[in-house]
Structures are given as C-alpha cells and as structure tokens.
C-alpha cells in the first residue's frame, strides 16, 4: 500500500469523523432521529454530558487521522488504534439494529466504519511488512 493511498484513507476517515462529530454536536435531536428509533433525554445533564463526550472523542480521532495523514511516522499507531475503535463501533452499530433500536442509517454508519477498519488493518500490515 503506497503512502499516497494511506494518506487518502486517513483523510477520508478524518472527514467522516469530523463531519459526524460536528453535525451531531450542532443538532443532537436530528442526529438521534436519523440513527435511532429511541431518544436520549438530552435535558438530563448526565445523558447530555455523555452524548457530548462521545462526539468530542470522535472529533478528536478525526484530528488524529488528519495529523497522521501528514505525519507518516505516526501512522502505525493510529492505524492500529483506529482499526480497533472503528471495528468496535461497527459491532455496536450492528448489535442495535436487530433489537429495533438502530435505523438503516446506523447500519450505513457501521458499514462505513467497518470498511475504514479494514483499510486501517491493510495499511497497518503494509507498514509492518515494509518496516516503516
């Protein structure tokens, strides 16, 4: 896998995370309606806190992907951790749909993260085999 391909993958992941995180924080109600069949009680300070923390974390990872796109020496660690996180998020998304809690939009979000996780694994393995 070339460095240019890795950079494009990281820029795609950064865009995905930043757009998702920013739009979720700007309009939590719309975000929840698009992805879930139930709602959070965002009037509850604890639920609002956790909602915000999740999406702030997503934005932070988006920034990490963006930085790794331009700082190749950091890619191995970002690909490893990013693959684990994206695979875990995809599994969580897929687990909510059969119970009727997640919408088809959540399936799409999970599928995109699973595809990014697979790309991260491929990139990580290519770095290991080339010794970079």
C-alpha atoms as a PDB file:
ATOM      1  CA  UNK A   1       0.000   0.000   0.000  1.00  0.00           C
ATOM      2  CA  UNK A   2       1.508   3.313  -1.057  1.00  0.00           C
ATOM      3  CA  UNK A   3       1.940   6.327   1.181  1.00  0.00           C
ATOM      4  CA  UNK A   4      -0.463   8.247  -1.058  1.00  0.00           C
ATOM      5  CA  UNK A   5      -3.141   5.574  -0.589  1.00  0.00           C
ATOM      6  CA  UNK A   6      -2.614   5.651   3.182  1.00  0.00           C
ATOM      7  CA  UNK A   7      -2.910   9.431   3.164  1.00  0.00           C
ATOM      8  CA  UNK A   8      -6.192   9.294   1.208  1.00  0.00           C
ATOM      9  CA  UNK A   9      -7.547   6.684   3.629  1.00  0.00           C
ATOM     10  CA  UNK A  10      -6.653   8.856   6.621  1.00  0.00           C
ATOM     11  CA  UNK A  11      -8.134  11.974   5.014  1.00  0.00           C
ATOM     12  CA  UNK A  12     -11.350  10.048   4.297  1.00  0.00           C
ATOM     13  CA  UNK A  13     -11.534   8.856   7.914  1.00  0.00           C
ATOM     14  CA  UNK A  14     -10.784  12.360   9.185  1.00  0.00           C
ATOM     15  CA  UNK A  15     -13.564  13.841   7.058  1.00  0.00           C
ATOM     16  CA  UNK A  16     -16.017  11.132   8.162  1.00  0.00           C
ATOM     17  CA  UNK A  17     -15.247  11.669  11.856  1.00  0.00           C
ATOM     18  CA  UNK A  18     -15.187  15.447  11.742  1.00  0.00           C
ATOM     19  CA  UNK A  19     -18.446  15.723   9.800  1.00  0.00           C
ATOM     20  CA  UNK A  20     -20.160  13.161  12.013  1.00  0.00           C
ATOM     21  CA  UNK A  21     -18.969  14.703  15.244  1.00  0.00           C
ATOM     22  CA  UNK A  22     -19.646  18.297  14.330  1.00  0.00           C
ATOM     23  CA  UNK A  23     -23.123  17.640  12.915  1.00  0.00           C
ATOM     24  CA  UNK A  24     -24.064  15.506  15.939  1.00  0.00           C
ATOM     25  CA  UNK A  25     -22.999  18.259  18.333  1.00  0.00           C
ATOM     26  CA  UNK A  26     -24.719  21.009  16.346  1.00  0.00           C
ATOM     27  CA  UNK A  27     -28.068  19.190  16.086  1.00  0.00           C
ATOM     28  CA  UNK A  28     -28.282  16.287  18.569  1.00  0.00           C
ATOM     29  CA  UNK A  29     -32.013  15.769  18.051  1.00  0.00           C
ATOM     30  CA  UNK A  30     -31.667  15.322  14.291  1.00  0.00           C
ATOM     31  CA  UNK A  31     -28.683  13.024  14.755  1.00  0.00           C
ATOM     32  CA  UNK A  32     -30.576  10.765  17.143  1.00  0.00           C
ATOM     33  CA  UNK A  33     -33.695  10.679  14.930  1.00  0.00           C
ATOM     34  CA  UNK A  34     -31.616   9.684  11.895  1.00  0.00           C
ATOM     35  CA  UNK A  35     -29.818   6.798  13.573  1.00  0.00           C
ATOM     36  CA  UNK A  36     -32.059   5.520  16.359  1.00  0.00           C
ATOM     37  CA  UNK A  37     -35.686   4.616  16.978  1.00  0.00           C
ATOM     38  CA  UNK A  38     -35.489   5.734  20.618  1.00  0.00           C
ATOM     39  CA  UNK A  39     -34.272   9.026  22.001  1.00  0.00           C
ATOM     40  CA  UNK A  40     -31.960  10.237  24.701  1.00  0.00           C
ATOM     41  CA  UNK A  41     -33.158  12.588  27.361  1.00  0.00           C
ATOM     42  CA  UNK A  42     -30.811  15.428  26.490  1.00  0.00           C
ATOM     43  CA  UNK A  43     -32.452  17.504  29.217  1.00  0.00           C
ATOM     44  CA  UNK A  44     -30.740  15.141  31.677  1.00  0.00           C
ATOM     45  CA  UNK A  45     -27.282  16.649  32.334  1.00  0.00           C
ATOM     46  CA  UNK A  46     -25.616  13.222  32.600  1.00  0.00           C
ATOM     47  CA  UNK A  47     -27.008  11.948  29.281  1.00  0.00           C
ATOM     48  CA  UNK A  48     -26.094  15.228  27.591  1.00  0.00           C
ATOM     49  CA  UNK A  49     -22.588  15.017  29.067  1.00  0.00           C
ATOM     50  CA  UNK A  50     -22.015  11.508  27.699  1.00  0.00           C
ATOM     51  CA  UNK A  51     -23.502  12.404  24.299  1.00  0.00           C
ATOM     52  CA  UNK A  52     -21.152  15.371  24.026  1.00  0.00           C
ATOM     53  CA  UNK A  53     -18.141  13.377  25.260  1.00  0.00           C
ATOM     54  CA  UNK A  54     -18.696  10.673  22.661  1.00  0.00           C
ATOM     55  CA  UNK A  55     -18.818  13.152  19.797  1.00  0.00           C
ATOM     56  CA  UNK A  56     -15.933  15.233  21.118  1.00  0.00           C
ATOM     57  CA  UNK A  57     -13.928  11.984  21.145  1.00  0.00           C
ATOM     58  CA  UNK A  58     -14.995  11.257  17.553  1.00  0.00           C
ATOM     59  CA  UNK A  59     -13.804  14.737  16.546  1.00  0.00           C
ATOM     60  CA  UNK A  60     -10.506  14.219  18.390  1.00  0.00           C
ATOM     61  CA  UNK A  61      -9.933  10.968  16.487  1.00  0.00           C
ATOM     62  CA  UNK A  62     -10.749  12.811  13.271  1.00  0.00           C
ATOM     63  CA  UNK A  63      -7.987  15.273  14.104  1.00  0.00           C
ATOM     64  CA  UNK A  64      -5.628  12.358  14.844  1.00  0.00           C
ATOM     65  CA  UNK A  65      -6.386  10.871  11.412  1.00  0.00           C
ATOM     66  CA  UNK A  66      -5.795  14.269   9.831  1.00  0.00           C
ATOM     67  CA  UNK A  67      -2.444  14.677  11.584  1.00  0.00           C
ATOM     68  CA  UNK A  68      -1.366  11.131  10.695  1.00  0.00           C
ATOM     69  CA  UNK A  69      -2.178  11.856   7.051  1.00  0.00           C
ATOM     70  CA  UNK A  70       0.626  14.427   7.083  1.00  0.00           C
ATOM     71  CA  UNK A  71       2.963  12.861   9.681  1.00  0.00           C
ATOM     72  CA  UNK A  72       3.725   9.434   8.269  1.00  0.00           C
ATOM     73  CA  UNK A  73       5.783   8.357  11.291  1.00  0.00           C
ATOM     74  CA  UNK A  74       2.657   8.323  13.452  1.00  0.00           C
ATOM     75  CA  UNK A  75       0.600   6.157  11.114  1.00  0.00           C
ATOM     76  CA  UNK A  76       1.350   2.723  12.556  1.00  0.00           C
ATOM     77  CA  UNK A  77      -0.096   3.573  15.971  1.00  0.00           C
ATOM     78  CA  UNK A  78      -3.052   5.483  14.515  1.00  0.00           C
ATOM     79  CA  UNK A  79      -3.895   2.644  12.124  1.00  0.00           C
ATOM     80  CA  UNK A  80      -3.760   0.066  14.933  1.00  0.00           C
ATOM     81  CA  UNK A  81      -5.863   2.029  17.405  1.00  0.00           C
ATOM     82  CA  UNK A  82      -8.178   3.362  14.698  1.00  0.00           C
ATOM     83  CA  UNK A  83      -8.873  -0.134  13.362  1.00  0.00           C
ATOM     84  CA  UNK A  84      -9.808  -1.372  16.824  1.00  0.00           C
ATOM     85  CA  UNK A  85     -12.039   1.615  17.520  1.00  0.00           C
ATOM     86  CA  UNK A  86     -13.774   1.559  14.147  1.00  0.00           C
ATOM     87  CA  UNK A  87     -14.376  -2.214  14.336  1.00  0.00           C
ATOM     88  CA  UNK A  88     -15.787  -1.835  17.849  1.00  0.00           C
ATOM     89  CA  UNK A  89     -18.088   0.982  16.772  1.00  0.00           C
ATOM     90  CA  UNK A  90     -19.287  -1.046  13.776  1.00  0.00           C
ATOM     91  CA  UNK A  91     -20.056  -4.020  16.036  1.00  0.00           C
ATOM     92  CA  UNK A  92     -22.000  -1.755  18.403  1.00  0.00           C
ATOM     93  CA  UNK A  93     -23.995  -0.316  15.489  1.00  0.00           C
ATOM     94  CA  UNK A  94     -24.810  -3.751  14.085  1.00  0.00           C
ATOM     95  CA  UNK A  95     -25.862  -5.004  17.529  1.00  0.00           C
ATOM     96  CA  UNK A  96     -28.506  -2.296  17.941  1.00  0.00           C
ATOM     97  CA  UNK A  97     -30.378  -2.910  14.696  1.00  0.00           C
ATOM     98  CA  UNK A  98     -31.842  -6.413  15.359  1.00  0.00           C
ATOM     99  CA  UNK A  99     -33.348  -5.154  18.623  1.00  0.00           C
ATOM    100  CA  UNK A 100     -35.133  -2.367  16.774  1.00  0.00           C
ATOM    101  CA  UNK A 101     -33.124   0.447  18.348  1.00  0.00           C
ATOM    102  CA  UNK A 102     -30.974   1.338  15.330  1.00  0.00           C
ATOM    103  CA  UNK A 103     -32.175   2.548  11.939  1.00  0.00           C
ATOM    104  CA  UNK A 104     -30.834   1.753   8.489  1.00  0.00           C
ATOM    105  CA  UNK A 105     -28.773   4.936   8.854  1.00  0.00           C
ATOM    106  CA  UNK A 106     -26.973   3.319  11.767  1.00  0.00           C
ATOM    107  CA  UNK A 107     -26.264   0.279   9.600  1.00  0.00           C
ATOM    108  CA  UNK A 108     -24.706   2.555   6.986  1.00  0.00           C
ATOM    109  CA  UNK A 109     -22.587   4.297   9.628  1.00  0.00           C
ATOM    110  CA  UNK A 110     -21.441   0.930  10.958  1.00  0.00           C
ATOM    111  CA  UNK A 111     -20.633  -0.319   7.449  1.00  0.00           C
ATOM    112  CA  UNK A 112     -18.544   2.767   6.688  1.00  0.00           C
ATOM    113  CA  UNK A 113     -16.609   2.341   9.930  1.00  0.00           C
ATOM    114  CA  UNK A 114     -16.108  -1.366   9.228  1.00  0.00           C
ATOM    115  CA  UNK A 115     -14.729  -0.530   5.772  1.00  0.00           C
ATOM    116  CA  UNK A 116     -12.398   2.055   7.307  1.00  0.00           C
ATOM    117  CA  UNK A 117     -11.288  -0.516   9.918  1.00  0.00           C
ATOM    118  CA  UNK A 118     -10.457  -2.979   7.132  1.00  0.00           C
ATOM    119  CA  UNK A 119      -8.471  -0.279   5.339  1.00  0.00           C
ATOM    120  CA  UNK A 120      -6.623   0.553   8.542  1.00  0.00           C
ATOM    121  CA  UNK A 121      -5.730  -3.120   9.062  1.00  0.00           C
ATOM    122  CA  UNK A 122      -4.428  -3.370   5.485  1.00  0.00           C
ATOM    123  CA  UNK A 123      -2.418  -0.171   5.949  1.00  0.00           C
ATOM    124  CA  UNK A 124      -1.020  -1.330   9.291  1.00  0.00           C
ATOM    125  CA  UNK A 125       0.028  -4.667   7.811  1.00  0.00           C
ATOM    126  CA  UNK A 126       1.680  -2.969   4.852  1.00  0.00           C
ATOM    127  CA  UNK A 127       3.678  -0.799   7.257  1.00  0.00           C
ATOM    128  CA  UNK A 128       4.789  -3.878   9.189  1.00  0.00           C
ATOM    129  CA  UNK A 129       5.952  -5.694   6.064  1.00  0.00           C
ATOM    130  CA  UNK A 130       7.867  -2.716   4.719  1.00  0.00           C
ATOM    131  CA  UNK A 131       9.385  -1.877   8.082  1.00  0.00           C
ATOM    132  CA  UNK A 132       8.155   1.728   8.003  1.00  0.00           C
END
